[in-house]
């Protein structure tokens, strides 16, 4: 049990590091937990991953907030929308298989990867001159969609949030990544609430994993702040491509 715990804690550190930069840490943390503890119910393992994800994201947001201007007034409403829709997605997953939607998400991710790679200035600051109300409407609608996705399917949520802040609100990669943390906190909180009430959290694993995820989040945030937008753009592409391979495996091989 000790060896297994150490393995998942190492995975949580790596996941925290990745999440801090551009999201996508679940691509590491979740599969390792599933492979290390194959006899536990899927819902229990999923519920357990949410606590370290929340903890690491909270540390990252705190670090970003000290160096990057955060638009809290806008974020509160986007995060609330994402929280409510993530709850709905978590409840619906027991009724409808999310395998139906994976091919659609795979195509969307491929388009995102091609666009990001081909447009070299993507993720540099783009002034959209949006009024607060217009930015609020765009952000809330996107928050509802991505929040539902996180509750229902999950992998790649951080990347979709970063993409949302860049394309809809004109943020650069650094600011988009910082703001994505707040919304991701809300979706993780919704899942924690749902899975804890339904008894699907292994706290003896979740707590040490959370400590390691926070450490990874701290290191990853410092790294992102030091390296800047171009590094985050490259890292974003790597994570999107990894997510594409994950979905392709699920669709073409796993079944």
C-alpha atoms as a PDB file:
ATOM      1  CA  UNK A   1       0.000   0.000   0.000  1.00  0.00           C
ATOM      2  CA  UNK A   2       2.882   2.365   0.822  1.00  0.00           C
ATOM      3  CA  UNK A   3       4.505   1.823  -2.595  1.00  0.00           C
ATOM      4  CA  UNK A   4       1.192   2.370  -4.365  1.00  0.00           C
ATOM      5  CA  UNK A   5       0.611   5.579  -2.414  1.00  0.00           C
ATOM      6  CA  UNK A   6       4.070   6.870  -3.317  1.00  0.00           C
ATOM      7  CA  UNK A   7       3.404   6.161  -7.008  1.00  0.00           C
ATOM      8  CA  UNK A   8       0.134   8.104  -7.091  1.00  0.00           C
ATOM      9  CA  UNK A   9       1.697  10.933  -5.044  1.00  0.00           C
ATOM     10  CA  UNK A  10       4.484  11.278  -7.625  1.00  0.00           C
ATOM     11  CA  UNK A  11       1.837  11.337 -10.362  1.00  0.00           C
ATOM     12  CA  UNK A  12      -0.014  14.044  -8.423  1.00  0.00           C
ATOM     13  CA  UNK A  13       3.116  16.193  -8.246  1.00  0.00           C
ATOM     14  CA  UNK A  14       3.576  15.937 -12.030  1.00  0.00           C
ATOM     15  CA  UNK A  15      -0.140  16.613 -12.559  1.00  0.00           C
ATOM     16  CA  UNK A  16       0.050  19.707 -10.350  1.00  0.00           C
ATOM     17  CA  UNK A  17       3.027  20.984 -12.336  1.00  0.00           C
ATOM     18  CA  UNK A  18       1.206  20.517 -15.662  1.00  0.00           C
ATOM     19  CA  UNK A  19      -2.076  21.959 -14.376  1.00  0.00           C
ATOM     20  CA  UNK A  20      -0.330  25.071 -13.096  1.00  0.00           C
ATOM     21  CA  UNK A  21       0.985  25.915 -16.546  1.00  0.00           C
ATOM     22  CA  UNK A  22      -1.908  25.162 -18.864  1.00  0.00           C
ATOM     23  CA  UNK A  23      -4.191  22.459 -17.411  1.00  0.00           C
ATOM     24  CA  UNK A  24      -4.336  18.799 -18.396  1.00  0.00           C
ATOM     25  CA  UNK A  25      -2.802  17.253 -15.283  1.00  0.00           C
ATOM     26  CA  UNK A  26      -5.636  14.742 -15.203  1.00  0.00           C
ATOM     27  CA  UNK A  27      -3.994  13.031 -18.173  1.00  0.00           C
ATOM     28  CA  UNK A  28      -1.277  11.898 -15.743  1.00  0.00           C
ATOM     29  CA  UNK A  29      -2.978  11.667 -12.366  1.00  0.00           C
ATOM     30  CA  UNK A  30      -6.172   9.809 -13.307  1.00  0.00           C
ATOM     31  CA  UNK A  31      -4.688   6.961 -15.408  1.00  0.00           C
ATOM     32  CA  UNK A  32      -1.961   6.291 -12.809  1.00  0.00           C
ATOM     33  CA  UNK A  33      -4.548   6.087 -10.024  1.00  0.00           C
ATOM     34  CA  UNK A  34      -6.677   3.720 -12.104  1.00  0.00           C
ATOM     35  CA  UNK A  35      -3.704   1.459 -12.894  1.00  0.00           C
ATOM     36  CA  UNK A  36      -2.418   1.457  -9.306  1.00  0.00           C
ATOM     37  CA  UNK A  37      -5.793   0.741  -7.675  1.00  0.00           C
ATOM     38  CA  UNK A  38      -7.727  -1.244 -10.325  1.00  0.00           C
ATOM     39  CA  UNK A  39     -10.084  -2.918  -7.844  1.00  0.00           C
ATOM     40  CA  UNK A  40     -11.787   0.267  -6.672  1.00  0.00           C
ATOM     41  CA  UNK A  41     -14.971   1.583  -8.318  1.00  0.00           C
ATOM     42  CA  UNK A  42     -14.428   4.133 -11.094  1.00  0.00           C
ATOM     43  CA  UNK A  43     -16.585   6.734  -9.329  1.00  0.00           C
ATOM     44  CA  UNK A  44     -14.498   6.403  -6.159  1.00  0.00           C
ATOM     45  CA  UNK A  45     -11.216   6.913  -7.999  1.00  0.00           C
ATOM     46  CA  UNK A  46     -12.610   9.860  -9.943  1.00  0.00           C
ATOM     47  CA  UNK A  47     -13.877  11.425  -6.727  1.00  0.00           C
ATOM     48  CA  UNK A  48     -10.498  10.911  -5.078  1.00  0.00           C
ATOM     49  CA  UNK A  49      -8.640  12.754  -7.881  1.00  0.00           C
ATOM     50  CA  UNK A  50     -10.736  15.883  -7.469  1.00  0.00           C
ATOM     51  CA  UNK A  51      -9.351  16.852  -4.065  1.00  0.00           C
ATOM     52  CA  UNK A  52      -5.671  16.968  -5.141  1.00  0.00           C
ATOM     53  CA  UNK A  53      -6.711  18.726  -8.364  1.00  0.00           C
ATOM     54  CA  UNK A  54      -8.568  21.379  -6.360  1.00  0.00           C
ATOM     55  CA  UNK A  55      -5.659  21.828  -3.933  1.00  0.00           C
ATOM     56  CA  UNK A  56      -3.009  22.223  -6.617  1.00  0.00           C
ATOM     57  CA  UNK A  57      -5.165  24.615  -8.615  1.00  0.00           C
ATOM     58  CA  UNK A  58      -5.751  26.746  -5.510  1.00  0.00           C
ATOM     59  CA  UNK A  59      -1.997  27.092  -4.929  1.00  0.00           C
ATOM     60  CA  UNK A  60      -1.462  27.993  -8.598  1.00  0.00           C
ATOM     61  CA  UNK A  61      -4.197  30.628  -8.516  1.00  0.00           C
ATOM     62  CA  UNK A  62      -2.688  32.188  -5.383  1.00  0.00           C
ATOM     63  CA  UNK A  63       0.724  32.390  -7.055  1.00  0.00           C
ATOM     64  CA  UNK A  64      -0.669  33.836 -10.296  1.00  0.00           C
ATOM     65  CA  UNK A  65      -2.752  36.398  -8.416  1.00  0.00           C
ATOM     66  CA  UNK A  66       0.402  37.902  -6.906  1.00  0.00           C
ATOM     67  CA  UNK A  67       1.896  38.572 -10.349  1.00  0.00           C
ATOM     68  CA  UNK A  68      -1.005  38.796 -12.820  1.00  0.00           C
ATOM     69  CA  UNK A  69      -4.005  41.117 -12.694  1.00  0.00           C
ATOM     70  CA  UNK A  70      -7.135  39.013 -12.110  1.00  0.00           C
ATOM     71  CA  UNK A  71     -10.559  40.292 -13.167  1.00  0.00           C
ATOM     72  CA  UNK A  72     -12.386  38.967 -10.119  1.00  0.00           C
ATOM     73  CA  UNK A  73     -15.692  40.700 -10.844  1.00  0.00           C
ATOM     74  CA  UNK A  74     -15.976  38.857 -14.158  1.00  0.00           C
ATOM     75  CA  UNK A  75     -14.610  35.587 -12.817  1.00  0.00           C
ATOM     76  CA  UNK A  76     -17.141  35.203 -10.014  1.00  0.00           C
ATOM     77  CA  UNK A  77     -20.021  34.861 -12.476  1.00  0.00           C
ATOM     78  CA  UNK A  78     -18.142  32.604 -14.901  1.00  0.00           C
ATOM     79  CA  UNK A  79     -17.037  30.358 -12.039  1.00  0.00           C
ATOM     80  CA  UNK A  80     -20.587  30.175 -10.642  1.00  0.00           C
ATOM     81  CA  UNK A  81     -21.953  29.153 -14.048  1.00  0.00           C
ATOM     82  CA  UNK A  82     -19.224  26.524 -14.406  1.00  0.00           C
ATOM     83  CA  UNK A  83     -19.898  25.191 -10.884  1.00  0.00           C
ATOM     84  CA  UNK A  84     -23.612  24.672 -11.530  1.00  0.00           C
ATOM     85  CA  UNK A  85     -23.130  23.070 -14.939  1.00  0.00           C
ATOM     86  CA  UNK A  86     -20.363  20.786 -13.611  1.00  0.00           C
ATOM     87  CA  UNK A  87     -22.813  19.521 -10.998  1.00  0.00           C
ATOM     88  CA  UNK A  88     -25.309  18.794 -13.774  1.00  0.00           C
ATOM     89  CA  UNK A  89     -22.660  17.004 -15.816  1.00  0.00           C
ATOM     90  CA  UNK A  90     -21.598  14.844 -12.850  1.00  0.00           C
ATOM     91  CA  UNK A  91     -25.179  13.798 -12.252  1.00  0.00           C
ATOM     92  CA  UNK A  92     -25.846  13.050 -15.915  1.00  0.00           C
ATOM     93  CA  UNK A  93     -22.785  10.822 -16.312  1.00  0.00           C
ATOM     94  CA  UNK A  94     -24.568   8.048 -14.441  1.00  0.00           C
ATOM     95  CA  UNK A  95     -27.442   8.127 -16.933  1.00  0.00           C
ATOM     96  CA  UNK A  96     -25.729   8.631 -20.306  1.00  0.00           C
ATOM     97  CA  UNK A  97     -22.415   7.186 -21.462  1.00  0.00           C
ATOM     98  CA  UNK A  98     -19.917   9.917 -22.248  1.00  0.00           C
ATOM     99  CA  UNK A  99     -18.347   7.602 -24.835  1.00  0.00           C
ATOM    100  CA  UNK A 100     -20.926   8.948 -27.309  1.00  0.00           C
ATOM    101  CA  UNK A 101     -19.359  12.407 -27.193  1.00  0.00           C
ATOM    102  CA  UNK A 102     -15.674  11.451 -27.274  1.00  0.00           C
ATOM    103  CA  UNK A 103     -15.367  11.393 -31.103  1.00  0.00           C
ATOM    104  CA  UNK A 104     -16.798  14.936 -31.232  1.00  0.00           C
ATOM    105  CA  UNK A 105     -14.316  16.162 -28.618  1.00  0.00           C
ATOM    106  CA  UNK A 106     -11.467  14.425 -30.472  1.00  0.00           C
ATOM    107  CA  UNK A 107     -12.248  16.329 -33.678  1.00  0.00           C
ATOM    108  CA  UNK A 108     -12.530  19.609 -31.763  1.00  0.00           C
ATOM    109  CA  UNK A 109      -9.134  19.070 -30.121  1.00  0.00           C
ATOM    110  CA  UNK A 110      -7.476  18.322 -33.461  1.00  0.00           C
ATOM    111  CA  UNK A 111      -8.854  21.589 -34.854  1.00  0.00           C
ATOM    112  CA  UNK A 112      -7.570  23.452 -31.778  1.00  0.00           C
ATOM    113  CA  UNK A 113      -4.085  21.935 -32.151  1.00  0.00           C
ATOM    114  CA  UNK A 114      -3.841  22.783 -35.883  1.00  0.00           C
ATOM    115  CA  UNK A 115      -5.080  26.337 -35.327  1.00  0.00           C
ATOM    116  CA  UNK A 116      -2.746  26.993 -32.385  1.00  0.00           C
ATOM    117  CA  UNK A 117       0.258  25.630 -34.274  1.00  0.00           C
ATOM    118  CA  UNK A 118      -0.451  27.475 -37.523  1.00  0.00           C
ATOM    119  CA  UNK A 119      -1.229  30.857 -35.929  1.00  0.00           C
ATOM    120  CA  UNK A 120       2.094  31.857 -34.385  1.00  0.00           C
ATOM    121  CA  UNK A 121       0.678  34.928 -32.633  1.00  0.00           C
ATOM    122  CA  UNK A 122      -2.162  32.955 -31.042  1.00  0.00           C
ATOM    123  CA  UNK A 123      -2.191  33.649 -27.328  1.00  0.00           C
ATOM    124  CA  UNK A 124      -0.494  37.004 -27.584  1.00  0.00           C
ATOM    125  CA  UNK A 125      -2.607  39.823 -26.189  1.00  0.00           C
ATOM    126  CA  UNK A 126      -5.445  40.669 -28.545  1.00  0.00           C
ATOM    127  CA  UNK A 127      -7.465  43.722 -27.583  1.00  0.00           C
ATOM    128  CA  UNK A 128     -11.149  42.950 -28.183  1.00  0.00           C
ATOM    129  CA  UNK A 129     -12.518  46.153 -26.642  1.00  0.00           C
ATOM    130  CA  UNK A 130     -15.394  44.287 -24.988  1.00  0.00           C
ATOM    131  CA  UNK A 131     -17.796  45.947 -22.587  1.00  0.00           C
ATOM    132  CA  UNK A 132     -18.142  44.234 -19.212  1.00  0.00           C
ATOM    133  CA  UNK A 133     -21.646  42.992 -20.090  1.00  0.00           C
ATOM    134  CA  UNK A 134     -20.521  41.499 -23.403  1.00  0.00           C
ATOM    135  CA  UNK A 135     -17.516  39.832 -21.780  1.00  0.00           C
ATOM    136  CA  UNK A 136     -19.790  38.543 -19.021  1.00  0.00           C
ATOM    137  CA  UNK A 137     -22.249  36.976 -21.483  1.00  0.00           C
ATOM    138  CA  UNK A 138     -19.472  35.306 -23.464  1.00  0.00           C
ATOM    139  CA  UNK A 139     -17.715  34.089 -20.343  1.00  0.00           C
ATOM    140  CA  UNK A 140     -20.835  32.721 -18.638  1.00  0.00           C
ATOM    141  CA  UNK A 141     -22.001  30.855 -21.750  1.00  0.00           C
ATOM    142  CA  UNK A 142     -18.555  29.323 -22.232  1.00  0.00           C
ATOM    143  CA  UNK A 143     -18.373  28.553 -18.500  1.00  0.00           C
ATOM    144  CA  UNK A 144     -21.665  26.660 -18.688  1.00  0.00           C
ATOM    145  CA  UNK A 145     -20.454  24.543 -21.608  1.00  0.00           C
ATOM    146  CA  UNK A 146     -16.963  23.817 -20.284  1.00  0.00           C
ATOM    147  CA  UNK A 147     -18.226  23.253 -16.736  1.00  0.00           C
ATOM    148  CA  UNK A 148     -20.706  20.671 -17.995  1.00  0.00           C
ATOM    149  CA  UNK A 149     -17.919  19.040 -20.013  1.00  0.00           C
ATOM    150  CA  UNK A 150     -15.714  18.812 -16.914  1.00  0.00           C
ATOM    151  CA  UNK A 151     -18.436  17.172 -14.864  1.00  0.00           C
ATOM    152  CA  UNK A 152     -19.433  14.815 -17.673  1.00  0.00           C
ATOM    153  CA  UNK A 153     -16.134  13.861 -19.373  1.00  0.00           C
ATOM    154  CA  UNK A 154     -13.213  15.779 -17.830  1.00  0.00           C
ATOM    155  CA  UNK A 155      -9.822  15.447 -19.597  1.00  0.00           C
ATOM    156  CA  UNK A 156      -8.605  18.650 -21.204  1.00  0.00           C
ATOM    157  CA  UNK A 157     -10.852  21.016 -19.231  1.00  0.00           C
ATOM    158  CA  UNK A 158      -7.972  23.311 -18.303  1.00  0.00           C
ATOM    159  CA  UNK A 159      -6.926  23.573 -21.945  1.00  0.00           C
ATOM    160  CA  UNK A 160     -10.470  24.419 -23.038  1.00  0.00           C
ATOM    161  CA  UNK A 161     -10.677  27.113 -20.359  1.00  0.00           C
ATOM    162  CA  UNK A 162      -7.408  28.660 -21.525  1.00  0.00           C
ATOM    163  CA  UNK A 163      -8.684  28.571 -25.109  1.00  0.00           C
ATOM    164  CA  UNK A 164     -11.925  30.257 -24.024  1.00  0.00           C
ATOM    165  CA  UNK A 165     -10.178  33.177 -22.345  1.00  0.00           C
ATOM    166  CA  UNK A 166      -7.918  33.689 -25.379  1.00  0.00           C
ATOM    167  CA  UNK A 167     -10.453  33.431 -28.213  1.00  0.00           C
ATOM    168  CA  UNK A 168     -13.535  34.968 -26.572  1.00  0.00           C
ATOM    169  CA  UNK A 169     -12.040  37.538 -24.214  1.00  0.00           C
ATOM    170  CA  UNK A 170      -8.717  38.419 -25.878  1.00  0.00           C
ATOM    171  CA  UNK A 171      -6.374  37.371 -23.060  1.00  0.00           C
ATOM    172  CA  UNK A 172      -2.761  36.324 -23.653  1.00  0.00           C
ATOM    173  CA  UNK A 173      -1.615  32.849 -22.568  1.00  0.00           C
ATOM    174  CA  UNK A 174      -0.316  34.044 -19.214  1.00  0.00           C
ATOM    175  CA  UNK A 175      -3.531  35.826 -18.215  1.00  0.00           C
ATOM    176  CA  UNK A 176      -5.717  33.101 -19.736  1.00  0.00           C
ATOM    177  CA  UNK A 177      -3.942  30.418 -17.723  1.00  0.00           C
ATOM    178  CA  UNK A 178      -4.255  32.467 -14.526  1.00  0.00           C
ATOM    179  CA  UNK A 179      -7.979  33.094 -15.002  1.00  0.00           C
ATOM    180  CA  UNK A 180      -8.643  29.492 -16.025  1.00  0.00           C
ATOM    181  CA  UNK A 181      -7.504  28.390 -12.560  1.00  0.00           C
ATOM    182  CA  UNK A 182     -10.393  30.177 -10.873  1.00  0.00           C
ATOM    183  CA  UNK A 183     -13.013  28.541 -13.092  1.00  0.00           C
ATOM    184  CA  UNK A 184     -11.313  25.155 -12.763  1.00  0.00           C
ATOM    185  CA  UNK A 185     -11.477  25.540  -8.974  1.00  0.00           C
ATOM    186  CA  UNK A 186     -15.239  25.941  -9.252  1.00  0.00           C
ATOM    187  CA  UNK A 187     -15.713  22.833 -11.419  1.00  0.00           C
ATOM    188  CA  UNK A 188     -13.486  20.787  -9.108  1.00  0.00           C
ATOM    189  CA  UNK A 189     -15.438  22.031  -6.086  1.00  0.00           C
ATOM    190  CA  UNK A 190     -18.686  20.914  -7.699  1.00  0.00           C
ATOM    191  CA  UNK A 191     -17.299  17.427  -8.310  1.00  0.00           C
ATOM    192  CA  UNK A 192     -15.892  17.202  -4.770  1.00  0.00           C
ATOM    193  CA  UNK A 193     -19.285  18.179  -3.356  1.00  0.00           C
ATOM    194  CA  UNK A 194     -21.086  15.581  -5.474  1.00  0.00           C
ATOM    195  CA  UNK A 195     -18.636  12.701  -4.923  1.00  0.00           C
ATOM    196  CA  UNK A 196     -18.223  13.351  -1.183  1.00  0.00           C
ATOM    197  CA  UNK A 197     -21.971  13.302  -0.586  1.00  0.00           C
ATOM    198  CA  UNK A 198     -22.240  10.047  -2.514  1.00  0.00           C
ATOM    199  CA  UNK A 199     -19.343   8.481  -0.541  1.00  0.00           C
ATOM    200  CA  UNK A 200     -16.912   8.232  -3.442  1.00  0.00           C
ATOM    201  CA  UNK A 201     -13.702   9.713  -1.979  1.00  0.00           C
ATOM    202  CA  UNK A 202     -10.721   7.815  -0.511  1.00  0.00           C
ATOM    203  CA  UNK A 203      -9.437  10.477   1.876  1.00  0.00           C
ATOM    204  CA  UNK A 204      -6.444   8.354   2.943  1.00  0.00           C
ATOM    205  CA  UNK A 205      -5.194   8.718  -0.643  1.00  0.00           C
ATOM    206  CA  UNK A 206      -6.681  12.108  -1.482  1.00  0.00           C
ATOM    207  CA  UNK A 207      -4.885  13.996   1.322  1.00  0.00           C
ATOM    208  CA  UNK A 208      -1.260  12.940   0.558  1.00  0.00           C
ATOM    209  CA  UNK A 209      -1.999  13.330  -3.165  1.00  0.00           C
ATOM    210  CA  UNK A 210      -3.286  16.853  -2.474  1.00  0.00           C
ATOM    211  CA  UNK A 211      -0.061  17.812  -0.689  1.00  0.00           C
ATOM    212  CA  UNK A 212       2.019  16.598  -3.638  1.00  0.00           C
ATOM    213  CA  UNK A 213      -0.274  18.269  -6.161  1.00  0.00           C
ATOM    214  CA  UNK A 214       0.083  21.583  -4.311  1.00  0.00           C
ATOM    215  CA  UNK A 215       3.867  21.241  -4.416  1.00  0.00           C
ATOM    216  CA  UNK A 216       3.723  20.565  -8.159  1.00  0.00           C
ATOM    217  CA  UNK A 217       1.376  23.488  -8.649  1.00  0.00           C
ATOM    218  CA  UNK A 218       3.742  25.838  -6.822  1.00  0.00           C
ATOM    219  CA  UNK A 219       6.738  24.772  -8.936  1.00  0.00           C
ATOM    220  CA  UNK A 220       4.736  24.857 -12.184  1.00  0.00           C
ATOM    221  CA  UNK A 221       3.391  28.340 -11.564  1.00  0.00           C
ATOM    222  CA  UNK A 222       6.849  29.725 -10.803  1.00  0.00           C
ATOM    223  CA  UNK A 223       8.120  28.095 -13.988  1.00  0.00           C
ATOM    224  CA  UNK A 224       5.309  29.584 -16.122  1.00  0.00           C
ATOM    225  CA  UNK A 225       5.781  33.077 -14.677  1.00  0.00           C
ATOM    226  CA  UNK A 226       9.511  32.855 -15.372  1.00  0.00           C
ATOM    227  CA  UNK A 227       9.240  31.535 -18.948  1.00  0.00           C
ATOM    228  CA  UNK A 228       6.274  33.607 -20.170  1.00  0.00           C
ATOM    229  CA  UNK A 229       3.771  33.392 -23.038  1.00  0.00           C
ATOM    230  CA  UNK A 230       5.825  31.585 -25.689  1.00  0.00           C
ATOM    231  CA  UNK A 231       6.678  28.737 -23.332  1.00  0.00           C
ATOM    232  CA  UNK A 232       3.036  28.397 -22.259  1.00  0.00           C
ATOM    233  CA  UNK A 233       1.939  28.308 -25.928  1.00  0.00           C
ATOM    234  CA  UNK A 234       4.292  25.387 -26.635  1.00  0.00           C
ATOM    235  CA  UNK A 235       3.228  23.610 -23.441  1.00  0.00           C
ATOM    236  CA  UNK A 236      -0.420  24.153 -24.415  1.00  0.00           C
ATOM    237  CA  UNK A 237       0.209  22.443 -27.762  1.00  0.00           C
ATOM    238  CA  UNK A 238       1.911  19.493 -26.073  1.00  0.00           C
ATOM    239  CA  UNK A 239      -0.981  18.979 -23.652  1.00  0.00           C
ATOM    240  CA  UNK A 240      -3.619  19.287 -26.391  1.00  0.00           C
ATOM    241  CA  UNK A 241      -1.760  16.696 -28.487  1.00  0.00           C
ATOM    242  CA  UNK A 242      -1.519  14.393 -25.464  1.00  0.00           C
ATOM    243  CA  UNK A 243      -5.256  14.789 -24.904  1.00  0.00           C
ATOM    244  CA  UNK A 244      -5.879  13.941 -28.576  1.00  0.00           C
ATOM    245  CA  UNK A 245      -3.879  10.714 -28.176  1.00  0.00           C
ATOM    246  CA  UNK A 246      -5.793   9.880 -25.007  1.00  0.00           C
ATOM    247  CA  UNK A 247      -9.171  10.264 -26.726  1.00  0.00           C
ATOM    248  CA  UNK A 248      -7.979   8.440 -29.848  1.00  0.00           C
ATOM    249  CA  UNK A 249      -6.856   5.528 -27.669  1.00  0.00           C
ATOM    250  CA  UNK A 250     -10.196   5.444 -25.841  1.00  0.00           C
ATOM    251  CA  UNK A 251     -12.135   5.465 -29.122  1.00  0.00           C
ATOM    252  CA  UNK A 252     -10.013   3.273 -31.406  1.00  0.00           C
ATOM    253  CA  UNK A 253      -8.173   0.876 -29.101  1.00  0.00           C
ATOM    254  CA  UNK A 254      -9.574   0.622 -25.602  1.00  0.00           C
ATOM    255  CA  UNK A 255     -13.011  -0.608 -26.613  1.00  0.00           C
END
